[in-house]
Every structure is written in C-alpha cells, then in structure tokens.
Amino acid sequence: MTTELPANSHSHSFFELFIGEKYDSRMTNGGSSTEQASYNYVISPPLSDDPSGVTLEFRKYGKPFKNNETGDQIVFRL
C-alpha cells in the first residue's frame, strides 16, 4: 500500500543540541531529503571518553536560529 503525500507537505525542521551549562554546542552543517536528515555538531569542551550520565537533548525548531520552537524534543541519556 502506498500513501501519496501532497507535493507541498514536506517542511524542513531544524534541531539545536543542548547538553547542559557545562557544554557549548553548535551545528556545523546538515541536510535532508524526502526521507532522511543528517546534522553535524561541535561540542566544547569535548565529551569525556566515558560519557555516562550525559543527556543529549535535541530541540526542534520550525525555522533556523532558534525561531519558532515546536516543543518537540529527542532525548538520549548516555
């Protein structure tokens, strides 16, 4: 079964990475196509070799530069 989507149904999302006050992060580049997205981030200072206990929180925005936060988050607890 195939579900057809309208041609204008794709909207690009932007994700900011938050790790906590101890770290600074910024997206260096990224891109997407119809079914996938890829983003690269720089974290400083670098995470330790054992990142246990670190939480990576990706916050979704509808526009770049932290405009129009959607409230959606992806969280990884290491």
N, C-alpha and C. Protein backbone atom coordinates (compact mmCIF):
# COMPACT_ATOMS: atom_id res chain seq x y z
N MET A 1 0.83 -1.16 0.00
CA MET A 1 0.00 0.00 0.00
C MET A 1 0.89 1.24 0.00
N THR A 2 0.61 2.16 -0.85
CA THR A 2 1.37 3.39 -0.97
C THR A 2 0.49 4.57 -0.56
N THR A 3 1.04 5.43 0.25
CA THR A 3 0.32 6.63 0.65
C THR A 3 0.94 7.82 -0.07
N GLU A 4 0.15 8.50 -0.83
CA GLU A 4 0.63 9.66 -1.57
C GLU A 4 0.52 10.89 -0.69
N LEU A 5 1.57 11.69 -0.66
CA LEU A 5 1.58 12.94 0.08
C LEU A 5 1.50 14.10 -0.89
N PRO A 6 0.82 15.16 -0.51
CA PRO A 6 0.81 16.33 -1.40
C PRO A 6 2.22 16.84 -1.63
N ALA A 7 2.47 17.43 -2.76
CA ALA A 7 3.80 17.90 -3.13
C ALA A 7 4.35 18.91 -2.13
N ASN A 8 3.53 19.69 -1.48
CA ASN A 8 4.00 20.72 -0.57
C ASN A 8 3.95 20.28 0.89
N SER A 9 3.86 18.98 1.18
CA SER A 9 3.71 18.51 2.55
C SER A 9 5.04 18.47 3.31
N HIS A 10 6.16 18.55 2.62
CA HIS A 10 7.46 18.48 3.28
C HIS A 10 7.83 19.84 3.86
N SER A 11 8.15 19.86 5.14
CA SER A 11 8.65 21.09 5.74
C SER A 11 9.95 20.74 6.46
N HIS A 12 10.94 21.57 6.28
CA HIS A 12 12.25 21.31 6.87
C HIS A 12 12.23 21.73 8.34
N SER A 13 12.83 20.91 9.18
CA SER A 13 12.93 21.22 10.60
C SER A 13 14.40 21.45 10.95
N PHE A 14 14.62 22.18 12.03
CA PHE A 14 15.95 22.50 12.50
C PHE A 14 16.08 22.00 13.93
N PHE A 15 17.21 21.41 14.27
CA PHE A 15 17.42 20.87 15.60
C PHE A 15 18.63 21.52 16.26
N GLU A 16 18.43 22.03 17.46
CA GLU A 16 19.52 22.56 18.28
C GLU A 16 19.85 21.52 19.34
N LEU A 17 21.13 21.34 19.63
CA LEU A 17 21.58 20.37 20.62
C LEU A 17 21.89 21.09 21.93
N PHE A 18 21.27 20.60 23.02
CA PHE A 18 21.53 21.13 24.36
C PHE A 18 22.07 20.00 25.22
N ILE A 19 23.17 20.27 25.92
CA ILE A 19 23.80 19.25 26.76
C ILE A 19 23.82 19.69 28.22
N GLY A 20 23.72 20.94 28.47
CA GLY A 20 23.78 21.47 29.83
C GLY A 20 24.69 22.68 29.86
N GLU A 21 24.74 23.30 31.01
CA GLU A 21 25.50 24.54 31.16
C GLU A 21 27.00 24.33 31.01
N LYS A 22 27.46 23.11 31.25
CA LYS A 22 28.88 22.81 31.20
C LYS A 22 29.43 22.76 29.77
N TYR A 23 28.55 22.57 28.79
CA TYR A 23 28.97 22.40 27.40
C TYR A 23 28.33 23.43 26.48
N ASP A 24 29.05 23.75 25.41
CA ASP A 24 28.52 24.57 24.34
C ASP A 24 28.45 23.70 23.10
N SER A 25 27.38 23.82 22.34
CA SER A 25 27.28 23.04 21.10
C SER A 25 26.73 23.91 19.99
N ARG A 26 27.15 23.60 18.78
CA ARG A 26 26.62 24.31 17.61
C ARG A 26 26.61 23.37 16.42
N MET A 27 25.62 23.54 15.57
CA MET A 27 25.53 22.73 14.37
C MET A 27 26.49 23.32 13.34
N THR A 28 27.31 22.45 12.75
CA THR A 28 28.26 22.93 11.74
C THR A 28 27.68 22.82 10.34
N ASN A 29 26.89 21.78 10.09
CA ASN A 29 26.22 21.64 8.80
C ASN A 29 25.16 20.57 8.90
N GLY A 30 24.35 20.49 7.90
CA GLY A 30 23.30 19.48 7.88
C GLY A 30 22.54 19.54 6.57
N GLY A 31 21.72 18.55 6.37
CA GLY A 31 20.93 18.50 5.15
C GLY A 31 19.90 17.40 5.24
N SER A 32 18.97 17.43 4.31
CA SER A 32 17.93 16.40 4.33
C SER A 32 17.38 16.20 2.93
N SER A 33 16.70 15.07 2.79
CA SER A 33 15.95 14.78 1.58
C SER A 33 14.59 14.29 2.03
N THR A 34 13.85 13.69 1.16
CA THR A 34 12.48 13.31 1.46
C THR A 34 12.35 12.43 2.69
N GLU A 35 13.23 11.46 2.89
CA GLU A 35 13.03 10.50 3.98
C GLU A 35 14.16 10.45 5.00
N GLN A 36 15.10 11.38 4.98
CA GLN A 36 16.21 11.33 5.94
C GLN A 36 16.77 12.71 6.17
N ALA A 37 17.47 12.84 7.30
CA ALA A 37 18.15 14.09 7.62
C ALA A 37 19.45 13.76 8.33
N SER A 38 20.44 14.62 8.18
CA SER A 38 21.73 14.42 8.81
C SER A 38 22.26 15.77 9.28
N TYR A 39 22.72 15.83 10.54
CA TYR A 39 23.26 17.05 11.10
C TYR A 39 24.58 16.74 11.79
N ASN A 40 25.52 17.67 11.76
CA ASN A 40 26.81 17.54 12.46
C ASN A 40 26.93 18.67 13.47
N TYR A 41 27.41 18.31 14.67
CA TYR A 41 27.54 19.28 15.75
C TYR A 41 28.95 19.27 16.30
N VAL A 42 29.40 20.42 16.80
CA VAL A 42 30.66 20.54 17.51
C VAL A 42 30.30 20.81 18.97
N ILE A 43 30.91 20.06 19.88
CA ILE A 43 30.67 20.21 21.31
C ILE A 43 31.98 20.62 21.97
N SER A 44 31.91 21.67 22.80
CA SER A 44 33.11 22.07 23.54
C SER A 44 32.75 22.39 24.98
N PRO A 45 33.56 22.00 25.91
CA PRO A 45 34.73 21.15 25.72
C PRO A 45 34.30 19.76 25.24
N PRO A 46 35.21 18.99 24.68
CA PRO A 46 34.86 17.66 24.18
C PRO A 46 34.29 16.78 25.30
N LEU A 47 33.38 15.90 24.93
CA LEU A 47 32.86 14.93 25.90
C LEU A 47 33.99 14.01 26.33
N SER A 48 33.90 13.49 27.55
CA SER A 48 34.93 12.58 28.05
C SER A 48 34.82 11.24 27.32
N ASP A 49 35.83 10.40 27.46
CA ASP A 49 35.82 9.07 26.85
C ASP A 49 34.68 8.22 27.39
N ASP A 50 34.23 8.51 28.61
CA ASP A 50 33.10 7.81 29.21
C ASP A 50 31.98 8.83 29.43
N PRO A 51 31.07 8.97 28.45
CA PRO A 51 30.02 9.99 28.57
C PRO A 51 28.82 9.55 29.41
N SER A 52 28.98 8.53 30.24
CA SER A 52 27.88 8.06 31.07
C SER A 52 27.30 9.20 31.88
N GLY A 53 25.98 9.28 31.93
CA GLY A 53 25.31 10.32 32.69
C GLY A 53 25.02 11.58 31.90
N VAL A 54 25.56 11.70 30.69
CA VAL A 54 25.32 12.88 29.87
C VAL A 54 23.97 12.73 29.15
N THR A 55 23.23 13.82 29.08
CA THR A 55 21.95 13.83 28.36
C THR A 55 22.09 14.74 27.14
N LEU A 56 21.77 14.19 25.97
CA LEU A 56 21.77 14.95 24.72
C LEU A 56 20.32 15.27 24.40
N GLU A 57 20.00 16.54 24.35
CA GLU A 57 18.62 16.96 24.09
C GLU A 57 18.57 17.76 22.80
N PHE A 58 17.87 17.24 21.82
CA PHE A 58 17.71 17.92 20.53
C PHE A 58 16.34 18.58 20.52
N ARG A 59 16.31 19.90 20.41
CA ARG A 59 15.06 20.65 20.38
C ARG A 59 14.74 21.04 18.95
N LYS A 60 13.52 20.80 18.56
CA LYS A 60 13.09 21.04 17.19
C LYS A 60 12.54 22.46 17.02
N TYR A 61 12.97 23.11 15.94
CA TYR A 61 12.51 24.45 15.59
C TYR A 61 11.97 24.44 14.17
N GLY A 62 10.96 25.26 13.91
CA GLY A 62 10.39 25.35 12.57
C GLY A 62 11.21 26.23 11.65
N LYS A 63 12.06 27.08 12.24
CA LYS A 63 12.90 27.99 11.46
C LYS A 63 14.29 28.00 12.07
N PRO A 64 15.32 28.37 11.31
CA PRO A 64 16.68 28.42 11.86
C PRO A 64 16.83 29.52 12.90
N PHE A 65 17.94 29.47 13.63
CA PHE A 65 18.33 30.47 14.61
C PHE A 65 17.36 30.52 15.80
N LYS A 66 16.90 29.34 16.21
CA LYS A 66 16.06 29.18 17.39
C LYS A 66 14.76 29.97 17.30
N ASN A 67 14.22 30.09 16.10
CA ASN A 67 12.92 30.73 15.91
C ASN A 67 11.84 29.67 15.79
N ASN A 68 10.69 29.94 16.38
CA ASN A 68 9.53 29.08 16.23
C ASN A 68 9.74 27.67 16.80
N GLU A 69 10.05 27.60 18.11
CA GLU A 69 10.25 26.29 18.75
C GLU A 69 8.95 25.51 18.69
N THR A 70 9.02 24.24 18.28
CA THR A 70 7.82 23.41 18.13
C THR A 70 7.44 22.72 19.43
N GLY A 71 8.34 22.61 20.36
CA GLY A 71 8.08 21.89 21.61
C GLY A 71 8.48 20.42 21.52
N ASP A 72 8.79 19.94 20.33
CA ASP A 72 9.23 18.55 20.15
C ASP A 72 10.69 18.43 20.56
N GLN A 73 11.02 17.30 21.21
CA GLN A 73 12.39 17.05 21.64
C GLN A 73 12.74 15.58 21.41
N ILE A 74 13.99 15.34 21.13
CA ILE A 74 14.55 13.99 21.08
C ILE A 74 15.63 13.95 22.15
N VAL A 75 15.52 13.02 23.10
CA VAL A 75 16.44 12.99 24.22
C VAL A 75 17.15 11.63 24.28
N PHE A 76 18.48 11.69 24.41
CA PHE A 76 19.31 10.50 24.60
C PHE A 76 20.01 10.62 25.94
N ARG A 77 19.84 9.64 26.80
CA ARG A 77 20.54 9.62 28.09
C ARG A 77 21.63 8.57 27.98
N LEU A 78 22.87 8.99 28.05
CA LEU A 78 24.01 8.08 27.87
C LEU A 78 24.41 7.44 29.17
